[in-house]
N, C-alpha and C. Protein backbone atom coordinates (compact mmCIF):
# COMPACT_ATOMS: atom_id res chain seq x y z
N MET A 1 74.98 20.09 -68.38
CA MET A 1 74.58 20.49 -67.05
C MET A 1 73.89 19.33 -66.35
N LYS A 2 74.12 19.22 -65.07
CA LYS A 2 73.43 18.22 -64.28
C LYS A 2 71.98 18.63 -64.11
N LYS A 3 71.11 17.67 -64.08
CA LYS A 3 69.69 17.95 -63.93
C LYS A 3 69.34 18.19 -62.46
N ASP A 4 68.36 19.04 -62.24
CA ASP A 4 67.77 19.31 -60.93
C ASP A 4 68.70 19.97 -59.92
N ILE A 5 69.78 20.63 -60.37
CA ILE A 5 70.63 21.33 -59.41
C ILE A 5 70.69 22.83 -59.70
N HIS A 6 70.20 23.25 -60.85
CA HIS A 6 70.26 24.65 -61.24
C HIS A 6 68.91 25.32 -61.03
N PRO A 7 68.91 26.61 -60.63
CA PRO A 7 67.64 27.31 -60.46
C PRO A 7 66.96 27.55 -61.81
N GLU A 8 65.67 27.77 -61.78
CA GLU A 8 64.91 28.01 -63.01
C GLU A 8 65.32 29.36 -63.61
N TYR A 9 65.58 29.37 -64.89
CA TYR A 9 65.99 30.56 -65.63
C TYR A 9 64.81 30.97 -66.48
N ALA A 10 64.13 32.07 -66.11
CA ALA A 10 62.88 32.43 -66.77
C ALA A 10 62.83 33.92 -67.09
N PRO A 11 61.93 34.33 -67.98
CA PRO A 11 61.77 35.76 -68.29
C PRO A 11 61.29 36.54 -67.06
N ILE A 12 61.79 37.77 -66.91
CA ILE A 12 61.41 38.62 -65.79
C ILE A 12 61.59 40.08 -66.22
N VAL A 13 60.82 40.97 -65.64
CA VAL A 13 60.91 42.40 -65.94
C VAL A 13 61.59 43.11 -64.77
N PHE A 14 62.59 43.92 -65.07
CA PHE A 14 63.22 44.77 -64.08
C PHE A 14 62.72 46.19 -64.30
N ASN A 15 62.17 46.80 -63.26
CA ASN A 15 61.61 48.15 -63.32
C ASN A 15 62.54 49.12 -62.61
N ASP A 16 63.14 50.05 -63.38
CA ASP A 16 64.02 51.07 -62.81
C ASP A 16 63.16 52.17 -62.22
N LEU A 17 63.18 52.32 -60.90
CA LEU A 17 62.34 53.30 -60.22
C LEU A 17 62.81 54.73 -60.47
N ALA A 18 64.09 54.94 -60.74
CA ALA A 18 64.62 56.29 -60.95
C ALA A 18 64.22 56.86 -62.30
N SER A 19 64.22 56.04 -63.35
CA SER A 19 63.93 56.54 -64.69
C SER A 19 62.58 56.07 -65.23
N GLY A 20 62.01 55.05 -64.61
CA GLY A 20 60.74 54.52 -65.10
C GLY A 20 60.90 53.53 -66.24
N THR A 21 62.13 53.21 -66.59
CA THR A 21 62.39 52.27 -67.68
C THR A 21 62.18 50.84 -67.20
N LYS A 22 61.64 50.01 -68.08
CA LYS A 22 61.42 48.60 -67.77
C LYS A 22 62.20 47.75 -68.77
N PHE A 23 62.85 46.69 -68.27
CA PHE A 23 63.63 45.78 -69.11
C PHE A 23 63.06 44.38 -69.00
N LEU A 24 62.79 43.76 -70.12
CA LEU A 24 62.41 42.34 -70.13
C LEU A 24 63.66 41.55 -70.44
N THR A 25 64.02 40.66 -69.54
CA THR A 25 65.23 39.85 -69.70
C THR A 25 64.97 38.49 -69.08
N ARG A 26 66.01 37.69 -68.94
CA ARG A 26 65.88 36.39 -68.29
C ARG A 26 66.78 36.39 -67.06
N SER A 27 66.31 35.74 -66.01
CA SER A 27 67.05 35.73 -64.76
C SER A 27 66.60 34.55 -63.90
N THR A 28 67.39 34.27 -62.87
CA THR A 28 66.99 33.26 -61.89
C THR A 28 66.27 33.89 -60.71
N ALA A 29 66.18 35.23 -60.70
CA ALA A 29 65.49 35.93 -59.62
C ALA A 29 63.99 35.64 -59.67
N LYS A 30 63.36 35.67 -58.52
CA LYS A 30 61.93 35.39 -58.44
C LYS A 30 61.21 36.56 -57.78
N SER A 31 59.93 36.73 -58.12
CA SER A 31 59.12 37.79 -57.54
C SER A 31 57.66 37.38 -57.56
N GLU A 32 56.94 37.79 -56.53
CA GLU A 32 55.50 37.53 -56.46
C GLU A 32 54.72 38.59 -57.24
N LYS A 33 55.31 39.78 -57.38
CA LYS A 33 54.68 40.89 -58.08
C LYS A 33 54.77 40.64 -59.59
N THR A 34 53.69 40.92 -60.33
CA THR A 34 53.68 40.69 -61.77
C THR A 34 53.26 41.95 -62.52
N ILE A 35 53.54 41.95 -63.82
CA ILE A 35 53.19 43.06 -64.69
C ILE A 35 52.84 42.51 -66.06
N GLU A 36 51.89 43.18 -66.73
CA GLU A 36 51.57 42.78 -68.10
C GLU A 36 52.49 43.52 -69.04
N TRP A 37 53.21 42.79 -69.87
CA TRP A 37 54.19 43.37 -70.76
C TRP A 37 53.54 43.76 -72.08
N GLU A 38 54.29 44.44 -72.94
CA GLU A 38 53.79 44.94 -74.22
C GLU A 38 53.30 43.84 -75.15
N ASP A 39 53.81 42.63 -74.99
CA ASP A 39 53.40 41.52 -75.84
C ASP A 39 52.14 40.83 -75.35
N GLY A 40 51.56 41.33 -74.24
CA GLY A 40 50.32 40.77 -73.71
C GLY A 40 50.53 39.69 -72.66
N ASN A 41 51.75 39.24 -72.48
CA ASN A 41 52.03 38.21 -71.48
C ASN A 41 52.28 38.86 -70.11
N THR A 42 52.07 38.08 -69.06
CA THR A 42 52.32 38.54 -67.70
C THR A 42 53.63 37.95 -67.20
N TYR A 43 54.49 38.82 -66.68
CA TYR A 43 55.80 38.41 -66.19
C TYR A 43 56.00 38.89 -64.76
N PRO A 44 56.83 38.20 -63.98
CA PRO A 44 57.20 38.71 -62.66
C PRO A 44 58.02 39.99 -62.83
N VAL A 45 57.91 40.91 -61.88
CA VAL A 45 58.64 42.18 -61.97
C VAL A 45 59.41 42.43 -60.67
N ILE A 46 60.64 42.94 -60.82
CA ILE A 46 61.46 43.31 -59.69
C ILE A 46 61.79 44.79 -59.83
N ASP A 47 61.50 45.58 -58.79
CA ASP A 47 61.82 47.00 -58.77
C ASP A 47 63.26 47.20 -58.33
N VAL A 48 64.01 47.97 -59.11
CA VAL A 48 65.39 48.29 -58.76
C VAL A 48 65.53 49.80 -58.63
N GLU A 49 66.38 50.24 -57.73
CA GLU A 49 66.58 51.67 -57.49
C GLU A 49 67.31 52.35 -58.65
N ILE A 50 68.26 51.64 -59.25
CA ILE A 50 69.07 52.25 -60.30
C ILE A 50 69.51 51.16 -61.27
N SER A 51 69.60 51.52 -62.54
CA SER A 51 70.05 50.59 -63.57
C SER A 51 70.87 51.37 -64.58
N SER A 52 71.22 50.73 -65.68
CA SER A 52 72.00 51.42 -66.70
C SER A 52 71.22 52.57 -67.33
N ALA A 53 69.90 52.57 -67.21
CA ALA A 53 69.08 53.65 -67.77
C ALA A 53 69.14 54.92 -66.92
N SER A 54 69.52 54.80 -65.65
CA SER A 54 69.52 55.98 -64.79
C SER A 54 70.86 56.24 -64.10
N HIS A 55 71.82 55.34 -64.21
CA HIS A 55 73.12 55.53 -63.55
C HIS A 55 73.95 56.56 -64.32
N PRO A 56 74.53 57.53 -63.61
CA PRO A 56 75.29 58.59 -64.28
C PRO A 56 76.45 58.08 -65.14
N PHE A 57 77.06 56.97 -64.79
CA PHE A 57 78.16 56.43 -65.57
C PHE A 57 77.70 56.08 -66.98
N TYR A 58 76.52 55.51 -67.11
CA TYR A 58 76.00 55.06 -68.40
C TYR A 58 75.27 56.17 -69.15
N THR A 59 74.64 57.08 -68.43
CA THR A 59 73.86 58.14 -69.09
C THR A 59 74.69 59.37 -69.42
N GLY A 60 75.81 59.57 -68.71
CA GLY A 60 76.63 60.74 -68.92
C GLY A 60 76.09 61.98 -68.23
N LYS A 61 75.01 61.84 -67.49
CA LYS A 61 74.41 62.96 -66.78
C LYS A 61 74.78 62.85 -65.31
N GLN A 62 75.35 63.90 -64.77
CA GLN A 62 75.72 63.92 -63.37
C GLN A 62 74.62 64.58 -62.56
N ARG A 63 74.33 64.03 -61.42
CA ARG A 63 73.37 64.65 -60.51
C ARG A 63 74.13 65.47 -59.49
N ILE A 64 73.56 66.58 -59.11
CA ILE A 64 74.18 67.39 -58.07
C ILE A 64 73.66 66.90 -56.73
N LEU A 65 74.55 66.34 -55.94
CA LEU A 65 74.17 65.75 -54.67
C LEU A 65 74.44 66.68 -53.50
N ASP A 66 74.99 67.87 -53.76
CA ASP A 66 75.33 68.79 -52.70
C ASP A 66 74.09 69.57 -52.27
N SER A 67 73.37 69.04 -51.33
CA SER A 67 72.21 69.75 -50.83
C SER A 67 72.56 70.44 -49.53
N ALA A 68 72.11 71.64 -49.37
CA ALA A 68 72.33 72.46 -48.16
C ALA A 68 73.80 72.75 -47.93
N GLY A 69 74.60 72.83 -48.99
CA GLY A 69 75.99 73.22 -48.87
C GLY A 69 76.85 72.27 -48.08
N ARG A 70 76.72 70.99 -48.29
CA ARG A 70 77.49 70.00 -47.52
C ARG A 70 78.99 70.17 -47.71
N VAL A 71 79.39 70.46 -48.93
CA VAL A 71 80.82 70.62 -49.19
C VAL A 71 81.35 71.85 -48.45
N GLU A 72 80.59 72.93 -48.48
CA GLU A 72 81.02 74.14 -47.78
C GLU A 72 81.09 73.91 -46.28
N LYS A 73 80.13 73.20 -45.73
CA LYS A 73 80.15 72.89 -44.29
C LYS A 73 81.39 72.07 -43.94
N PHE A 74 81.72 71.11 -44.79
CA PHE A 74 82.90 70.28 -44.55
C PHE A 74 84.17 71.12 -44.59
N LYS A 75 84.27 71.97 -45.60
CA LYS A 75 85.46 72.82 -45.73
C LYS A 75 85.59 73.77 -44.54
N ASP A 76 84.46 74.35 -44.10
CA ASP A 76 84.50 75.24 -42.94
C ASP A 76 84.92 74.51 -41.67
N ARG A 77 84.45 73.31 -41.51
CA ARG A 77 84.75 72.55 -40.31
C ARG A 77 86.22 72.17 -40.23
N TYR A 78 86.80 71.80 -41.35
CA TYR A 78 88.17 71.28 -41.37
C TYR A 78 89.18 72.22 -42.02
N LYS A 79 88.87 73.51 -42.15
CA LYS A 79 89.78 74.43 -42.84
C LYS A 79 91.12 74.59 -42.12
N GLY A 80 91.15 74.46 -40.82
CA GLY A 80 92.40 74.61 -40.08
C GLY A 80 93.03 73.28 -39.71
N PHE A 81 92.49 72.18 -40.17
CA PHE A 81 93.00 70.86 -39.81
C PHE A 81 94.39 70.64 -40.37
N GLY A 82 95.30 70.21 -39.55
CA GLY A 82 96.65 69.88 -39.97
C GLY A 82 97.60 71.07 -39.98
N LYS A 83 97.12 72.27 -39.71
CA LYS A 83 97.98 73.44 -39.68
C LYS A 83 98.37 73.76 -38.25
N ARG A 84 99.63 73.88 -37.98
CA ARG A 84 100.13 74.22 -36.64
C ARG A 84 101.27 75.16 -36.73
């Protein structure tokens, strides 16, 4: 690798806000926010909305997203569409 052209690759914690799971890994991402990890060291932390710990594809758990009968409202609105 050429020197001085690559970003710094350092340990960082990713915090999954949906499940509360934290991952210590290495990344080129940077953050001003820090957290003390289980080993006693302080690492930068990045909050993520979803990760493999909370995504339905990886967990096998499906969330019901139909609030207030959205599917039924859609079906009622377009039940006669295309019929003549």
